[in-house]
Amino acid sequence: MPLPTTTIDALIVQCRGEIAAVDAYDRALEKFANQPEESVLRELRNDHDDSVARLRPLIERDGGKIPHDGGAWGGLVNAVHDIATLVNDELPLQLLQKGEQVGITGYEKALADPNLAEFHELLGFLRDRGGKHHARLQALRDHVLEAPTRPMTAW
């Protein structure tokens, strides 16, 4: 039986969030190019790209429209990141961390949807991976705050 439209819409929202995360990490990678944080940020970005690839077939299966951008949320995230990068190196990491929390909350809501029971393993994995990202970003933030002053890199 096909998933209800509201359930497909919830998956689309998560997929858009993952696309917005890829965009946000791409922006952060520009900021942190050739810095110690670059490799971790690249790994987290690639995880979000993988999440998009995992969510798209679930949406397509029941005729949902595959998102190709982060929507309004993605545009807002990029604008905020542009401003944040001018302030210091810690703020963009903090914003990425907030985005991870939004994703975790979205996956928790999806896991509570009985219509998505057949996808609990995947959704739980994606939620847990977001939790790991959140922790890794906190470690990067801690490192940046403890590191000596570095040259600012504009986006």
N, C-alpha and C. Protein backbone atom coordinates (compact mmCIF):
# COMPACT_ATOMS: atom_id res chain seq x y z
N MET A 1 0.85 -1.18 0.00
CA MET A 1 0.00 0.00 0.00
C MET A 1 0.89 1.24 0.00
N PRO A 2 0.59 2.23 -0.84
CA PRO A 2 1.40 3.45 -0.90
C PRO A 2 1.34 4.23 0.40
N LEU A 3 2.40 4.97 0.65
CA LEU A 3 2.45 5.82 1.84
C LEU A 3 1.48 6.98 1.68
N PRO A 4 0.88 7.43 2.78
CA PRO A 4 0.02 8.62 2.71
C PRO A 4 0.83 9.85 2.27
N THR A 5 0.16 10.78 1.64
CA THR A 5 0.81 11.99 1.15
C THR A 5 1.53 12.73 2.27
N THR A 6 0.93 12.80 3.44
CA THR A 6 1.58 13.52 4.55
C THR A 6 2.88 12.84 4.97
N THR A 7 2.92 11.54 4.87
CA THR A 7 4.14 10.80 5.21
C THR A 7 5.22 11.03 4.15
N ILE A 8 4.83 11.00 2.88
CA ILE A 8 5.78 11.30 1.80
C ILE A 8 6.30 12.73 1.97
N ASP A 9 5.40 13.64 2.31
CA ASP A 9 5.81 15.03 2.51
C ASP A 9 6.84 15.14 3.65
N ALA A 10 6.67 14.35 4.70
CA ALA A 10 7.64 14.37 5.80
C ALA A 10 9.01 13.88 5.33
N LEU A 11 9.02 12.87 4.48
CA LEU A 11 10.29 12.39 3.91
C LEU A 11 10.92 13.45 3.00
N ILE A 12 10.09 14.15 2.25
CA ILE A 12 10.58 15.22 1.38
C ILE A 12 11.22 16.32 2.21
N VAL A 13 10.60 16.67 3.33
CA VAL A 13 11.16 17.69 4.23
C VAL A 13 12.53 17.24 4.72
N GLN A 14 12.66 15.99 5.12
CA GLN A 14 13.96 15.49 5.58
C GLN A 14 14.98 15.51 4.45
N CYS A 15 14.56 15.14 3.26
CA CYS A 15 15.47 15.14 2.12
C CYS A 15 15.93 16.57 1.80
N ARG A 16 15.00 17.51 1.83
CA ARG A 16 15.37 18.92 1.61
C ARG A 16 16.37 19.38 2.67
N GLY A 17 16.14 18.96 3.90
CA GLY A 17 17.08 19.31 4.98
C GLY A 17 18.47 18.74 4.73
N GLU A 18 18.51 17.52 4.21
CA GLU A 18 19.81 16.91 3.90
C GLU A 18 20.49 17.64 2.74
N ILE A 19 19.71 18.06 1.75
CA ILE A 19 20.27 18.83 0.64
C ILE A 19 20.80 20.17 1.16
N ALA A 20 20.02 20.82 2.03
CA ALA A 20 20.47 22.08 2.62
C ALA A 20 21.76 21.87 3.43
N ALA A 21 21.86 20.71 4.09
CA ALA A 21 23.08 20.41 4.86
C ALA A 21 24.28 20.27 3.92
N VAL A 22 24.09 19.58 2.80
CA VAL A 22 25.18 19.45 1.83
C VAL A 22 25.64 20.84 1.39
N ASP A 23 24.69 21.71 1.08
CA ASP A 23 25.03 23.08 0.67
C ASP A 23 25.76 23.83 1.78
N ALA A 24 25.27 23.69 3.01
CA ALA A 24 25.90 24.38 4.14
C ALA A 24 27.32 23.88 4.38
N TYR A 25 27.51 22.58 4.26
CA TYR A 25 28.87 22.04 4.44
C TYR A 25 29.77 22.47 3.29
N ASP A 26 29.23 22.56 2.08
CA ASP A 26 30.04 23.06 0.97
C ASP A 26 30.55 24.47 1.27
N ARG A 27 29.67 25.30 1.82
CA ARG A 27 30.06 26.67 2.19
C ARG A 27 31.11 26.65 3.30
N ALA A 28 30.92 25.79 4.27
CA ALA A 28 31.89 25.69 5.37
C ALA A 28 33.24 25.19 4.86
N LEU A 29 33.21 24.29 3.89
CA LEU A 29 34.47 23.78 3.34
C LEU A 29 35.26 24.90 2.65
N GLU A 30 34.56 25.84 2.04
CA GLU A 30 35.26 26.99 1.46
C GLU A 30 35.93 27.80 2.57
N LYS A 31 35.24 27.99 3.66
CA LYS A 31 35.75 28.76 4.80
C LYS A 31 36.96 28.08 5.43
N PHE A 32 36.88 26.76 5.55
CA PHE A 32 37.91 26.01 6.27
C PHE A 32 38.89 25.30 5.33
N ALA A 33 38.98 25.77 4.09
CA ALA A 33 39.93 25.17 3.14
C ALA A 33 41.34 25.25 3.71
N ASN A 34 42.06 24.14 3.61
CA ASN A 34 43.45 24.05 4.07
C ASN A 34 43.62 24.28 5.57
N GLN A 35 42.54 24.07 6.32
CA GLN A 35 42.60 24.18 7.78
C GLN A 35 42.41 22.77 8.35
N PRO A 36 42.79 22.56 9.60
CA PRO A 36 42.68 21.21 10.18
C PRO A 36 41.25 20.65 10.18
N GLU A 37 40.25 21.50 10.19
CA GLU A 37 38.85 21.06 10.26
C GLU A 37 38.32 20.55 8.92
N GLU A 38 39.03 20.84 7.84
CA GLU A 38 38.52 20.55 6.49
C GLU A 38 38.17 19.07 6.31
N SER A 39 39.02 18.16 6.74
CA SER A 39 38.76 16.73 6.48
C SER A 39 37.51 16.24 7.20
N VAL A 40 37.31 16.69 8.42
CA VAL A 40 36.11 16.28 9.17
C VAL A 40 34.87 16.85 8.50
N LEU A 41 34.91 18.12 8.13
CA LEU A 41 33.76 18.74 7.49
C LEU A 41 33.43 18.06 6.16
N ARG A 42 34.45 17.66 5.41
CA ARG A 42 34.23 16.95 4.15
C ARG A 42 33.54 15.60 4.40
N GLU A 43 33.99 14.90 5.43
CA GLU A 43 33.37 13.61 5.76
C GLU A 43 31.90 13.79 6.14
N LEU A 44 31.60 14.81 6.95
CA LEU A 44 30.21 15.05 7.36
C LEU A 44 29.36 15.45 6.16
N ARG A 45 29.93 16.26 5.28
CA ARG A 45 29.22 16.66 4.06
C ARG A 45 28.88 15.45 3.21
N ASN A 46 29.84 14.55 3.07
CA ASN A 46 29.60 13.35 2.27
C ASN A 46 28.55 12.45 2.90
N ASP A 47 28.50 12.41 4.23
CA ASP A 47 27.43 11.66 4.91
C ASP A 47 26.06 12.21 4.55
N HIS A 48 25.94 13.54 4.49
CA HIS A 48 24.65 14.15 4.14
C HIS A 48 24.29 13.85 2.68
N ASP A 49 25.28 13.84 1.83
CA ASP A 49 25.04 13.48 0.43
C ASP A 49 24.53 12.04 0.35
N ASP A 50 25.11 11.16 1.16
CA ASP A 50 24.66 9.78 1.24
C ASP A 50 23.22 9.70 1.76
N SER A 51 22.88 10.54 2.72
CA SER A 51 21.51 10.55 3.26
C SER A 51 20.51 10.93 2.19
N VAL A 52 20.87 11.91 1.37
CA VAL A 52 20.00 12.30 0.25
C VAL A 52 19.77 11.09 -0.66
N ALA A 53 20.86 10.39 -0.99
CA ALA A 53 20.76 9.23 -1.88
C ALA A 53 19.91 8.13 -1.27
N ARG A 54 19.89 8.01 0.04
CA ARG A 54 19.08 6.98 0.70
C ARG A 54 17.61 7.37 0.79
N LEU A 55 17.33 8.66 0.93
CA LEU A 55 15.95 9.11 1.08
C LEU A 55 15.21 9.21 -0.26
N ARG A 56 15.90 9.57 -1.30
CA ARG A 56 15.23 9.77 -2.60
C ARG A 56 14.45 8.53 -3.07
N PRO A 57 15.00 7.32 -2.98
CA PRO A 57 14.21 6.16 -3.43
C PRO A 57 12.93 5.94 -2.60
N LEU A 58 12.96 6.27 -1.32
CA LEU A 58 11.76 6.12 -0.49
C LEU A 58 10.67 7.06 -0.97
N ILE A 59 11.08 8.26 -1.34
CA ILE A 59 10.12 9.26 -1.83
C ILE A 59 9.59 8.85 -3.20
N GLU A 60 10.49 8.42 -4.08
CA GLU A 60 10.11 8.03 -5.45
C GLU A 60 9.19 6.82 -5.47
N ARG A 61 9.41 5.91 -4.55
CA ARG A 61 8.67 4.64 -4.54
C ARG A 61 7.17 4.84 -4.63
N ASP A 62 6.68 5.85 -3.93
CA ASP A 62 5.24 6.08 -3.90
C ASP A 62 4.83 7.35 -4.64
N GLY A 63 5.65 7.75 -5.61
CA GLY A 63 5.29 8.85 -6.49
C GLY A 63 5.55 10.24 -5.96
N GLY A 64 6.33 10.36 -4.90
CA GLY A 64 6.66 11.69 -4.37
C GLY A 64 7.60 12.43 -5.30
N LYS A 65 7.54 13.74 -5.26
CA LYS A 65 8.41 14.58 -6.09
C LYS A 65 9.76 14.72 -5.40
N ILE A 66 10.80 14.33 -6.10
CA ILE A 66 12.15 14.37 -5.55
C ILE A 66 12.63 15.81 -5.47
N PRO A 67 13.02 16.26 -4.27
CA PRO A 67 13.57 17.62 -4.18
C PRO A 67 14.98 17.68 -4.77
N HIS A 68 15.30 18.81 -5.35
CA HIS A 68 16.63 18.99 -5.93
C HIS A 68 17.39 20.13 -5.28
N ASP A 69 16.74 20.80 -4.32
CA ASP A 69 17.42 21.86 -3.59
C ASP A 69 16.91 21.88 -2.16
N GLY A 70 17.55 22.69 -1.35
CA GLY A 70 17.20 22.78 0.06
C GLY A 70 16.01 23.66 0.34
N GLY A 71 15.40 24.20 -0.70
CA GLY A 71 14.22 25.04 -0.52
C GLY A 71 14.54 26.32 0.23
N ALA A 72 13.52 26.92 0.80
CA ALA A 72 13.68 28.18 1.52
C ALA A 72 14.65 28.03 2.68
N TRP A 73 14.59 26.90 3.37
CA TRP A 73 15.49 26.65 4.50
C TRP A 73 16.94 26.68 4.04
N GLY A 74 17.23 26.07 2.91
CA GLY A 74 18.59 26.06 2.39
C GLY A 74 19.09 27.45 2.05
N GLY A 75 18.22 28.27 1.46
CA GLY A 75 18.61 29.65 1.13
C GLY A 75 18.90 30.46 2.38
N LEU A 76 18.08 30.28 3.39
CA LEU A 76 18.29 30.98 4.66
C LEU A 76 19.59 30.54 5.31
N VAL A 77 19.84 29.24 5.31
CA VAL A 77 21.06 28.72 5.91
C VAL A 77 22.29 29.31 5.23
N ASN A 78 22.28 29.36 3.91
CA ASN A 78 23.43 29.90 3.18
C ASN A 78 23.64 31.38 3.48
N ALA A 79 22.56 32.14 3.56
CA ALA A 79 22.68 33.57 3.87
C ALA A 79 23.25 33.77 5.27
N VAL A 80 22.76 33.00 6.22
CA VAL A 80 23.26 33.12 7.60
C VAL A 80 24.73 32.71 7.67
N HIS A 81 25.10 31.65 6.95
CA HIS A 81 26.50 31.21 6.94
C HIS A 81 27.40 32.28 6.35
N ASP A 82 26.95 32.97 5.32
CA ASP A 82 27.76 34.03 4.72
C ASP A 82 28.07 35.12 5.74
N ILE A 83 27.09 35.48 6.52
CA ILE A 83 27.28 36.50 7.55
C ILE A 83 28.15 35.95 8.68
N ALA A 84 27.86 34.73 9.11
CA ALA A 84 28.58 34.15 10.24
C ALA A 84 30.06 34.00 9.98
N THR A 85 30.42 33.71 8.77
CA THR A 85 31.83 33.50 8.46
C THR A 85 32.65 34.76 8.65
N LEU A 86 32.00 35.90 8.57
CA LEU A 86 32.71 37.15 8.76
C LEU A 86 33.03 37.42 10.22
N VAL A 87 32.32 36.75 11.12
CA VAL A 87 32.49 37.00 12.54
C VAL A 87 33.71 36.27 13.10
N ASN A 88 33.70 34.95 12.99
CA ASN A 88 34.82 34.15 13.49
C ASN A 88 34.74 32.74 12.92
N ASP A 89 35.66 31.88 13.33
CA ASP A 89 35.67 30.50 12.83
C ASP A 89 34.70 29.60 13.59
N GLU A 90 34.32 29.97 14.79
CA GLU A 90 33.47 29.11 15.61
C GLU A 90 32.00 29.19 15.21
N LEU A 91 31.53 30.34 14.84
CA LEU A 91 30.11 30.53 14.55
C LEU A 91 29.59 29.66 13.40
N PRO A 92 30.31 29.54 12.28
CA PRO A 92 29.80 28.64 11.24
C PRO A 92 29.66 27.19 11.73
N LEU A 93 30.59 26.75 12.59
CA LEU A 93 30.49 25.40 13.14
C LEU A 93 29.27 25.28 14.05
N GLN A 94 29.01 26.33 14.81
CA GLN A 94 27.84 26.33 15.68
C GLN A 94 26.56 26.24 14.86
N LEU A 95 26.51 26.96 13.73
CA LEU A 95 25.32 26.90 12.88
C LEU A 95 25.14 25.52 12.25
N LEU A 96 26.24 24.90 11.84
CA LEU A 96 26.15 23.53 11.33
C LEU A 96 25.61 22.59 12.41
N GLN A 97 26.07 22.80 13.62
CA GLN A 97 25.62 21.97 14.74
C GLN A 97 24.13 22.16 14.99
N LYS A 98 23.66 23.39 14.91
CA LYS A 98 22.21 23.65 15.06
C LYS A 98 21.43 22.94 13.96
N GLY A 99 21.96 22.96 12.75
CA GLY A 99 21.32 22.26 11.65
C GLY A 99 21.24 20.77 11.89
N GLU A 100 22.29 20.21 12.45
CA GLU A 100 22.27 18.77 12.79
C GLU A 100 21.15 18.48 13.78
N GLN A 101 20.96 19.38 14.75
CA GLN A 101 19.90 19.17 15.74
C GLN A 101 18.53 19.21 15.09
N VAL A 102 18.34 20.11 14.14
CA VAL A 102 17.07 20.17 13.40
C VAL A 102 16.84 18.84 12.69
N GLY A 103 17.87 18.31 12.05
CA GLY A 103 17.76 17.03 11.36
C GLY A 103 17.42 15.89 12.31
N ILE A 104 18.08 15.86 13.46
CA ILE A 104 17.82 14.81 14.45
C ILE A 104 16.35 14.86 14.88
N THR A 105 15.87 16.05 15.16
CA THR A 105 14.47 16.21 15.57
C THR A 105 13.52 15.74 14.48
N GLY A 106 13.84 16.05 13.23
CA GLY A 106 13.01 15.60 12.11
C GLY A 106 12.97 14.09 12.00
N TYR A 107 14.13 13.45 12.18
CA TYR A 107 14.16 11.99 12.12
C TYR A 107 13.40 11.37 13.29
N GLU A 108 13.46 11.99 14.45
CA GLU A 108 12.69 11.48 15.59
C GLU A 108 11.19 11.54 15.30
N LYS A 109 10.74 12.62 14.66
CA LYS A 109 9.33 12.72 14.27
C LYS A 109 8.98 11.65 13.25
N ALA A 110 9.87 11.43 12.29
CA ALA A 110 9.62 10.40 11.27
C ALA A 110 9.55 9.02 11.91
N LEU A 111 10.39 8.78 12.89
CA LEU A 111 10.37 7.47 13.58
C LEU A 111 9.08 7.26 14.36
N ALA A 112 8.44 8.35 14.75
CA ALA A 112 7.17 8.24 15.49
C ALA A 112 5.98 8.03 14.56
N ASP A 113 6.18 8.16 13.26
CA ASP A 113 5.11 7.99 12.28
C ASP A 113 4.92 6.49 12.01
N PRO A 114 3.78 5.93 12.38
CA PRO A 114 3.58 4.49 12.17
C PRO A 114 3.61 4.09 10.69
N ASN A 115 3.34 5.03 9.80
CA ASN A 115 3.38 4.72 8.37
C ASN A 115 4.80 4.47 7.87
N LEU A 116 5.79 4.87 8.66
CA LEU A 116 7.19 4.69 8.27
C LEU A 116 7.86 3.53 9.00
N ALA A 117 7.07 2.66 9.61
CA ALA A 117 7.64 1.56 10.39
C ALA A 117 8.61 0.71 9.58
N GLU A 118 8.32 0.49 8.30
CA GLU A 118 9.20 -0.35 7.48
C GLU A 118 10.56 0.31 7.23
N PHE A 119 10.67 1.61 7.52
CA PHE A 119 11.92 2.34 7.29
C PHE A 119 12.63 2.71 8.60
N HIS A 120 12.18 2.14 9.72
CA HIS A 120 12.74 2.52 11.03
C HIS A 120 14.25 2.29 11.11
N GLU A 121 14.73 1.23 10.53
CA GLU A 121 16.17 0.96 10.61
C GLU A 121 16.95 2.09 9.93
N LEU A 122 16.54 2.46 8.73
CA LEU A 122 17.22 3.53 8.01
C LEU A 122 17.07 4.86 8.73
N LEU A 123 15.85 5.20 9.12
CA LEU A 123 15.62 6.48 9.78
C LEU A 123 16.37 6.57 11.11
N GLY A 124 16.43 5.48 11.84
CA GLY A 124 17.19 5.44 13.08
C GLY A 124 18.68 5.64 12.82
N PHE A 125 19.17 5.00 11.77
CA PHE A 125 20.58 5.16 11.39
C PHE A 125 20.88 6.61 11.06
N LEU A 126 20.01 7.25 10.26
CA LEU A 126 20.23 8.64 9.87
C LEU A 126 20.15 9.57 11.08
N ARG A 127 19.22 9.30 11.99
CA ARG A 127 19.13 10.10 13.22
C ARG A 127 20.40 9.95 14.05
N ASP A 128 20.85 8.71 14.23
CA ASP A 128 22.04 8.46 15.04
C ASP A 128 23.28 9.07 14.41
N ARG A 129 23.36 9.02 13.09
CA ARG A 129 24.50 9.63 12.40
C ARG A 129 24.50 11.14 12.63
N GLY A 130 23.31 11.75 12.63
CA GLY A 130 23.21 13.18 12.95
C GLY A 130 23.71 13.47 14.35
N GLY A 131 23.43 12.57 15.29
CA GLY A 131 23.93 12.75 16.65
C GLY A 131 25.45 12.69 16.71
N LYS A 132 26.03 11.81 15.92
CA LYS A 132 27.50 11.72 15.85
C LYS A 132 28.07 12.98 15.22
N HIS A 133 27.40 13.50 14.20
CA HIS A 133 27.85 14.75 13.57
C HIS A 133 27.83 15.88 14.60
N HIS A 134 26.75 15.93 15.36
CA HIS A 134 26.60 16.98 16.38
C HIS A 134 27.79 16.95 17.34
N ALA A 135 28.15 15.75 17.79
CA ALA A 135 29.27 15.59 18.72
C ALA A 135 30.60 15.97 18.06
N ARG A 136 30.79 15.58 16.83
CA ARG A 136 32.04 15.91 16.13
C ARG A 136 32.17 17.41 15.90
N LEU A 137 31.05 18.06 15.60
CA LEU A 137 31.08 19.51 15.43
C LEU A 137 31.40 20.20 16.76
N GLN A 138 30.90 19.65 17.85
CA GLN A 138 31.24 20.23 19.16
C GLN A 138 32.73 20.12 19.41
N ALA A 139 33.33 18.99 19.06
CA ALA A 139 34.77 18.82 19.21
C ALA A 139 35.53 19.83 18.35
N LEU A 140 35.06 20.06 17.13
CA LEU A 140 35.70 21.07 16.27
C LEU A 140 35.56 22.47 16.87
N ARG A 141 34.38 22.77 17.39
CA ARG A 141 34.16 24.08 18.03
C ARG A 141 35.11 24.25 19.21
N ASP A 142 35.23 23.22 20.01
CA ASP A 142 36.14 23.29 21.17
C ASP A 142 37.56 23.54 20.70
N HIS A 143 37.97 22.85 19.64
CA HIS A 143 39.33 23.00 19.11
C HIS A 143 39.55 24.42 18.60
N VAL A 144 38.59 24.94 17.86
CA VAL A 144 38.73 26.29 17.30
C VAL A 144 38.83 27.32 18.42
N LEU A 145 38.06 27.13 19.48
CA LEU A 145 38.09 28.08 20.59
C LEU A 145 39.42 28.03 21.34
N GLU A 146 40.06 26.85 21.35
CA GLU A 146 41.33 26.69 22.05
C GLU A 146 42.52 27.03 21.17
N ALA A 147 42.33 27.03 19.86
CA ALA A 147 43.44 27.24 18.93
C ALA A 147 43.89 28.70 18.95
N PRO A 148 45.16 28.90 18.68
CA PRO A 148 45.63 30.28 18.57
C PRO A 148 44.94 30.98 17.40
N THR A 149 44.97 32.25 17.41
CA THR A 149 44.33 33.03 16.35
C THR A 149 44.83 32.59 14.99
N ARG A 150 43.89 32.41 14.08
CA ARG A 150 44.22 31.97 12.74
C ARG A 150 43.80 33.06 11.78
N PRO A 151 44.38 33.07 10.61
CA PRO A 151 43.93 34.06 9.62
C PRO A 151 42.49 33.75 9.20
N MET A 152 41.69 34.76 9.09
CA MET A 152 40.30 34.60 8.67
C MET A 152 40.27 34.34 7.17
N THR A 153 39.46 33.39 6.78
CA THR A 153 39.28 33.07 5.38
C THR A 153 37.86 33.46 5.01
N ALA A 154 37.69 34.34 4.09
CA ALA A 154 36.34 34.74 3.67
C ALA A 154 35.82 33.76 2.65
N TRP A 155 34.51 33.65 2.56
CA TRP A 155 33.89 32.76 1.57
C TRP A 155 33.76 33.45 0.27
